[in-house]
Amino acid sequence: MKILLPYDGSRHARRAVAFIAARSPLAGRDPTIWLLNVQPPLLTEIPLASTRKRVGELYARRADGVLRPARTILRRAGLEVHGTHLVGVPGLRIARVARNKAVDLIVMGSHGRTAAAGMLLGSVASTVLAHCDNPVLLLREGEVRQAESLRVGVAVDGGSYGEAAVRWALAHRDLFGPQAQFELLHAVRDLPIQARTLLANLADMSFTPEKVRALRRQAFERAVKSSLRLFGAAGVPVQPIDLVGEAGEELAAYARRNLDVLVMGSHGQGLFKAAVLGSVATRVAARCATPLVLIRQA
């Protein structure tokens, strides 16, 4: 597994390093960990070669000072670490490195205190999400889970985004530990419109509680069917969970109460921050302090 850890020494970045260092099962799988420090340019133009050399040495010294503590923590955890630094706009540089190295996961600390588009994830995380399709794990405020095996929820709705999240979680389940517990989460506010249309065409127009429950159950079973098949083919036990209510709110609330990690799919790049994530992923990201893995699709 190839993991990219952008690191600037901030508390958010330290949280990301602590999370990976706590994933002891990874050490036995020889993952590749890339620590990346991105620094803003000191000068827009450096005409003299001698000056460029001195400035380059200054960048390197700064990067080494920033990365050294993180490198030490990860190596003590038994992980092989490569460190590098670049100069430029952090989000754009991180996205480019992730694409070029085809990393399996970008791990970033980020705030998430409001649903407003400009304040949702912080500028660096928003830029990364807008410019690459690599999976991203966002870590918020709070303690890093130290358990060897984690409780993982994968949000599905019967569509391709949910299946992409399931496939990624299964392919990289070593990240979650040898005894990880998986749950398939499906949330819906109301009866699917297809079910309501069907009822409207029936002679009997009464919406009895039994009918509502039966229709909800059918919709739930359809939504999780293909994902259950994927877990079964991988030989990994999974517990389907049916949540009732607005999807973003319910997924975030359930994750806060019950999960160590939430994995969900989302559409790909957008020109505006509000368009970078789908509406459900946006609400989850704004409301949930649980570590969130976003699996991107173009």
Protein backbone atom coordinates (compact mmCIF):
# COMPACT_ATOMS: atom_id res chain seq x y z
CA MET A 1 0.00 0.00 0.00
CA LYS A 2 1.36 3.40 -0.98
CA ILE A 3 0.43 6.20 1.44
CA LEU A 4 1.12 9.91 1.00
CA LEU A 5 1.37 11.94 4.22
CA PRO A 6 1.51 15.71 3.62
CA TYR A 7 3.24 17.15 6.67
CA ASP A 8 3.81 20.72 7.84
CA GLY A 9 4.23 20.14 11.58
CA SER A 10 0.75 21.42 12.46
CA ARG A 11 -1.47 19.61 14.95
CA HIS A 12 -3.64 18.39 12.06
CA ALA A 13 -0.59 16.90 10.34
CA ARG A 14 0.63 15.34 13.61
CA ARG A 15 -2.76 13.66 13.97
CA ALA A 16 -2.36 12.08 10.54
CA VAL A 17 1.09 10.76 11.43
CA ALA A 18 -0.20 9.38 14.74
CA PHE A 19 -3.01 7.54 12.94
CA ILE A 20 -0.65 5.80 10.52
CA ALA A 21 1.88 5.04 13.27
CA ALA A 22 -0.91 3.36 15.25
CA ARG A 23 -1.71 1.02 12.35
CA SER A 24 0.75 -1.67 13.46
CA PRO A 25 -0.64 -4.34 11.07
CA LEU A 26 0.66 -2.24 8.19
CA ALA A 27 4.26 -2.76 9.32
CA GLY A 28 4.11 -6.43 8.38
CA ARG A 29 2.89 -5.62 4.86
CA ASP A 30 5.83 -3.39 3.87
CA PRO A 31 3.84 -0.31 2.89
CA THR A 32 5.48 2.66 1.24
CA ILE A 33 5.03 5.86 3.25
CA TRP A 34 5.82 9.17 1.57
CA LEU A 35 6.21 12.18 3.84
CA LEU A 36 5.77 15.37 1.82
CA ASN A 37 6.55 18.88 3.00
CA VAL A 38 5.41 21.72 0.72
CA GLN A 39 6.76 25.21 1.36
CA PRO A 40 5.56 28.48 -0.17
CA PRO A 41 8.16 30.19 -2.39
CA LEU A 42 10.36 32.73 -0.67
CA LEU A 43 10.90 34.69 -3.88
CA THR A 44 8.98 34.75 -7.13
CA GLU A 45 12.18 35.18 -9.19
CA ILE A 46 15.74 34.14 -8.31
CA PRO A 47 17.98 35.31 -11.14
CA LEU A 48 21.43 34.24 -9.91
CA ALA A 49 22.45 30.59 -9.84
CA SER A 50 24.35 31.08 -6.57
CA THR A 51 21.26 32.59 -4.96
CA ARG A 52 19.08 29.75 -6.23
CA LYS A 53 21.48 27.28 -4.65
CA ARG A 54 21.40 29.02 -1.26
CA VAL A 55 17.61 29.30 -1.31
CA GLY A 56 17.35 25.62 -2.28
CA GLU A 57 19.56 24.67 0.66
CA LEU A 58 17.37 26.77 2.95
CA TYR A 59 14.23 24.92 1.73
CA ALA A 60 15.96 21.59 2.33
CA ARG A 61 17.04 22.51 5.87
CA ARG A 62 13.56 23.72 6.75
CA ALA A 63 11.97 20.58 5.35
CA ASP A 64 14.37 18.32 7.23
CA GLY A 65 13.61 20.11 10.48
CA VAL A 66 9.86 19.77 9.93
CA LEU A 67 9.90 16.15 8.74
CA ARG A 68 12.40 14.72 11.21
CA PRO A 69 9.97 14.22 14.15
CA ALA A 70 7.35 12.61 11.90
CA ARG A 71 9.95 10.37 10.28
CA THR A 72 11.13 9.23 13.72
CA ILE A 73 7.59 8.38 14.89
CA LEU A 74 6.82 6.34 11.78
CA ARG A 75 10.12 4.45 11.81
CA ARG A 76 9.65 3.57 15.47
CA ALA A 77 6.34 2.01 14.39
CA GLY A 78 8.27 -0.23 12.01
CA LEU A 79 7.31 1.62 8.84
CA GLU A 80 9.60 2.42 5.93
CA VAL A 81 9.49 6.15 5.28
CA HIS A 82 10.59 8.28 2.35
CA GLY A 83 10.70 12.03 2.76
CA THR A 84 10.71 14.77 0.17
CA HIS A 85 9.91 18.45 -0.11
CA LEU A 86 8.58 20.75 -2.81
CA VAL A 87 7.98 24.45 -3.22
CA GLY A 88 4.65 25.86 -4.37
CA VAL A 89 0.94 25.88 -3.55
CA PRO A 90 0.48 23.01 -1.03
CA GLY A 91 -2.83 21.60 -2.28
CA LEU A 92 -1.73 21.57 -5.91
CA ARG A 93 1.65 20.04 -5.13
CA ILE A 94 0.09 17.33 -2.96
CA ALA A 95 -2.42 16.46 -5.68
CA ARG A 96 0.31 16.24 -8.32
CA VAL A 97 2.52 13.97 -6.21
CA ALA A 98 -0.45 11.74 -5.42
CA ARG A 99 -1.26 11.39 -9.11
CA ASN A 100 2.33 10.84 -10.22
CA LYS A 101 3.06 8.22 -7.59
CA ALA A 102 -0.39 6.62 -7.97
CA VAL A 103 -0.78 6.44 -4.20
CA ASP A 104 -3.48 4.27 -2.67
CA LEU A 105 -4.30 6.82 0.03
CA ILE A 106 -3.59 10.42 0.99
CA VAL A 107 -3.80 10.89 4.78
CA MET A 108 -4.45 14.45 5.91
CA GLY A 109 -5.49 16.22 9.05
CA SER A 110 -8.18 18.82 8.48
CA HIS A 111 -10.71 20.93 10.31
CA GLY A 112 -14.42 20.66 9.55
CA ARG A 113 -16.47 23.00 11.68
CA THR A 114 -19.13 24.25 9.31
CA ALA A 115 -21.06 23.21 6.25
CA ALA A 116 -20.18 26.43 4.43
CA ALA A 117 -18.28 25.50 1.26
CA GLY A 118 -15.31 27.74 1.91
CA MET A 119 -14.87 26.57 5.52
CA LEU A 120 -15.70 22.90 5.13
CA LEU A 121 -12.32 21.23 5.00
CA GLY A 122 -9.71 23.94 4.92
CA SER A 123 -8.12 25.30 1.77
CA VAL A 124 -5.42 22.64 1.39
CA ALA A 125 -7.77 19.65 1.75
CA SER A 126 -10.34 21.28 -0.53
CA THR A 127 -7.68 21.90 -3.18
CA VAL A 128 -6.44 18.32 -2.98
CA LEU A 129 -9.97 16.96 -3.37
CA ALA A 130 -10.61 19.25 -6.31
CA HIS A 131 -7.49 18.28 -8.24
CA CYS A 132 -6.97 14.54 -7.85
CA ASP A 133 -9.03 11.36 -7.72
CA ASN A 134 -6.83 9.47 -5.25
CA PRO A 135 -8.61 8.24 -2.10
CA VAL A 136 -8.25 10.70 0.78
CA LEU A 137 -8.47 9.98 4.52
CA LEU A 138 -9.44 13.09 6.48
CA LEU A 139 -8.71 13.17 10.21
CA ARG A 140 -10.47 15.70 12.42
CA GLU A 141 -10.17 16.89 15.98
CA GLY A 142 -10.05 14.21 18.64
CA GLU A 143 -7.98 11.32 19.86
CA VAL A 144 -6.41 8.92 17.37
CA ARG A 145 -7.74 5.40 17.78
CA GLN A 146 -4.92 3.15 19.00
CA ALA A 147 -6.64 -0.23 18.69
CA GLU A 148 -5.01 -2.74 16.35
CA SER A 149 -8.35 -3.53 14.68
CA LEU A 150 -10.97 -0.93 13.86
CA ARG A 151 -14.71 -0.81 13.35
CA VAL A 152 -15.28 0.35 9.79
CA GLY A 153 -18.48 1.54 8.14
CA VAL A 154 -18.87 1.69 4.36
CA ALA A 155 -21.72 3.87 3.09
CA VAL A 156 -23.61 2.43 0.11
CA ASP A 157 -26.74 3.31 -1.83
CA GLY A 158 -26.77 0.64 -4.50
CA GLY A 159 -24.82 2.81 -6.94
CA SER A 160 -21.31 2.79 -8.36
CA TYR A 161 -19.89 5.19 -5.76
CA GLY A 162 -20.78 2.87 -2.90
CA GLU A 163 -19.39 -0.13 -4.74
CA ALA A 164 -16.14 1.74 -5.37
CA ALA A 165 -15.89 2.40 -1.62
CA VAL A 166 -16.50 -1.28 -0.85
CA ARG A 167 -13.88 -2.44 -3.36
CA TRP A 168 -11.30 -0.05 -1.93
CA ALA A 169 -12.02 -1.03 1.67
CA LEU A 170 -11.67 -4.72 0.84
CA ALA A 171 -8.52 -4.24 -1.23
CA HIS A 172 -6.84 -2.29 1.59
CA ARG A 173 -8.35 -3.91 4.65
CA ASP A 174 -4.89 -4.38 6.21
CA LEU A 175 -5.12 -0.68 7.07
CA PHE A 176 -7.96 -1.47 9.47
CA GLY A 177 -6.37 -4.42 11.28
CA PRO A 178 -6.58 -8.22 11.26
CA GLN A 179 -9.87 -8.37 13.16
CA ALA A 180 -11.53 -5.31 11.65
CA GLN A 181 -15.32 -5.26 11.86
CA PHE A 182 -17.13 -4.05 8.75
CA GLU A 183 -20.61 -2.60 8.44
CA LEU A 184 -22.57 -1.63 5.33
CA LEU A 185 -24.49 1.57 6.01
CA HIS A 186 -27.54 2.56 3.99
CA ALA A 187 -29.50 5.69 4.89
CA VAL A 188 -32.65 7.08 3.30
CA ARG A 189 -35.06 9.78 4.44
CA ASP A 190 -38.28 8.40 2.94
CA LEU A 191 -39.64 5.68 0.72
CA PRO A 192 -37.83 5.62 -2.62
CA ILE A 193 -39.81 7.45 -5.26
CA GLN A 194 -40.20 4.21 -7.23
CA ALA A 195 -41.96 2.62 -4.27
CA ARG A 196 -44.24 5.62 -3.79
CA THR A 197 -45.12 5.60 -7.48
CA LEU A 198 -45.91 1.91 -7.29
CA LEU A 199 -48.22 2.45 -4.32
CA ALA A 200 -49.96 5.30 -6.10
CA ASN A 201 -50.85 2.92 -8.91
CA LEU A 202 -52.32 0.30 -6.62
CA ALA A 203 -56.04 0.05 -6.03
CA ASP A 204 -55.47 -0.06 -2.31
CA MET A 205 -54.08 3.38 -1.46
CA SER A 206 -53.63 2.80 2.26
CA PHE A 207 -50.10 3.19 3.57
CA THR A 208 -50.17 0.73 6.44
CA PRO A 209 -47.10 0.48 8.68
CA GLU A 210 -46.59 -3.05 7.42
CA LYS A 211 -46.49 -1.89 3.80
CA VAL A 212 -44.08 0.90 4.60
CA ARG A 213 -41.75 -1.46 6.47
CA ALA A 214 -41.89 -4.04 3.68
CA LEU A 215 -41.10 -1.46 1.02
CA ARG A 216 -38.27 0.01 3.04
CA ARG A 217 -36.85 -3.46 3.57
CA GLN A 218 -36.99 -4.18 -0.15
CA ALA A 219 -35.23 -0.90 -0.95
CA PHE A 220 -32.57 -1.63 1.69
CA GLU A 221 -31.94 -5.13 0.36
CA ARG A 222 -31.58 -3.83 -3.20
CA ALA A 223 -29.14 -1.14 -2.05
CA VAL A 224 -26.79 -3.53 -0.23
CA LYS A 225 -27.15 -6.58 -2.48
CA SER A 226 -24.14 -6.03 -4.74
CA SER A 227 -21.94 -4.89 -1.85
CA LEU A 228 -22.84 -7.94 0.21
CA ARG A 229 -21.82 -10.05 -2.77
CA LEU A 230 -18.42 -8.34 -2.85
CA PHE A 231 -17.82 -8.96 0.84
CA GLY A 232 -18.92 -12.56 0.45
CA ALA A 233 -16.55 -13.14 -2.48
CA ALA A 234 -13.70 -11.76 -0.36
CA GLY A 235 -14.66 -13.97 2.59
CA VAL A 236 -15.04 -10.97 4.87
CA PRO A 237 -17.97 -10.84 7.32
CA VAL A 238 -20.07 -7.67 7.20
CA GLN A 239 -23.13 -6.38 9.05
CA PRO A 240 -25.74 -4.43 7.02
CA ILE A 241 -27.17 -1.42 8.88
CA ASP A 242 -30.38 0.33 7.75
CA LEU A 243 -30.58 3.96 8.83
CA VAL A 244 -33.70 6.10 8.54
CA GLY A 245 -33.44 9.83 7.98
CA GLU A 246 -31.50 12.37 5.94
CA ALA A 247 -28.50 10.41 4.66
CA GLY A 248 -25.73 12.88 5.53
CA GLU A 249 -27.05 13.50 9.04
CA GLU A 250 -27.66 9.84 9.81
CA LEU A 251 -24.32 8.61 8.49
CA ALA A 252 -22.43 11.27 10.44
CA ALA A 253 -24.36 10.60 13.66
CA TYR A 254 -23.95 6.83 13.38
CA ALA A 255 -20.23 7.16 12.67
CA ARG A 256 -19.73 9.42 15.70
CA ARG A 257 -21.41 6.90 17.99
CA ASN A 258 -20.21 3.60 16.60
CA LEU A 259 -17.32 3.72 14.15
CA ASP A 260 -13.58 4.26 14.07
CA VAL A 261 -13.54 4.98 10.32
CA LEU A 262 -16.21 5.80 7.74
CA VAL A 263 -15.57 5.01 4.06
CA MET A 264 -17.74 6.49 1.34
CA GLY A 265 -17.64 7.19 -2.37
CA SER A 266 -18.09 10.57 -3.97
CA HIS A 267 -18.00 12.06 -7.44
CA GLY A 268 -14.83 13.55 -8.84
CA GLN A 269 -13.44 16.97 -9.47
CA GLY A 270 -15.37 20.22 -9.46
CA LEU A 271 -14.40 23.80 -10.15
CA PHE A 272 -16.07 25.10 -6.99
CA LYS A 273 -15.55 23.87 -3.44
CA ALA A 274 -19.22 23.13 -3.01
CA ALA A 275 -19.09 20.93 -6.13
CA VAL A 276 -16.02 18.93 -5.12
CA LEU A 277 -18.07 16.46 -3.07
CA GLY A 278 -21.56 15.15 -3.53
CA SER A 279 -24.22 16.60 -1.25
CA VAL A 280 -24.26 13.60 1.11
CA ALA A 281 -20.46 13.52 1.40
CA THR A 282 -20.45 17.27 2.02
CA ARG A 283 -22.88 16.96 4.93
CA VAL A 284 -21.00 14.03 6.40
CA ALA A 285 -17.66 15.84 6.13
CA ALA A 286 -19.11 18.93 7.81
CA ARG A 287 -20.74 17.09 10.71
CA CYS A 288 -18.62 14.06 11.48
CA ALA A 289 -15.47 14.01 13.60
CA THR A 290 -14.87 10.34 12.74
CA PRO A 291 -11.98 9.71 10.34
CA LEU A 292 -13.48 9.83 6.85
CA VAL A 293 -12.12 8.07 3.75
CA LEU A 294 -13.40 9.57 0.50
CA ILE A 295 -13.11 7.35 -2.56
CA ARG A 296 -13.11 9.53 -5.62
CA GLN A 297 -14.74 8.86 -8.97
CA ALA A 298 -14.58 11.09 -12.02
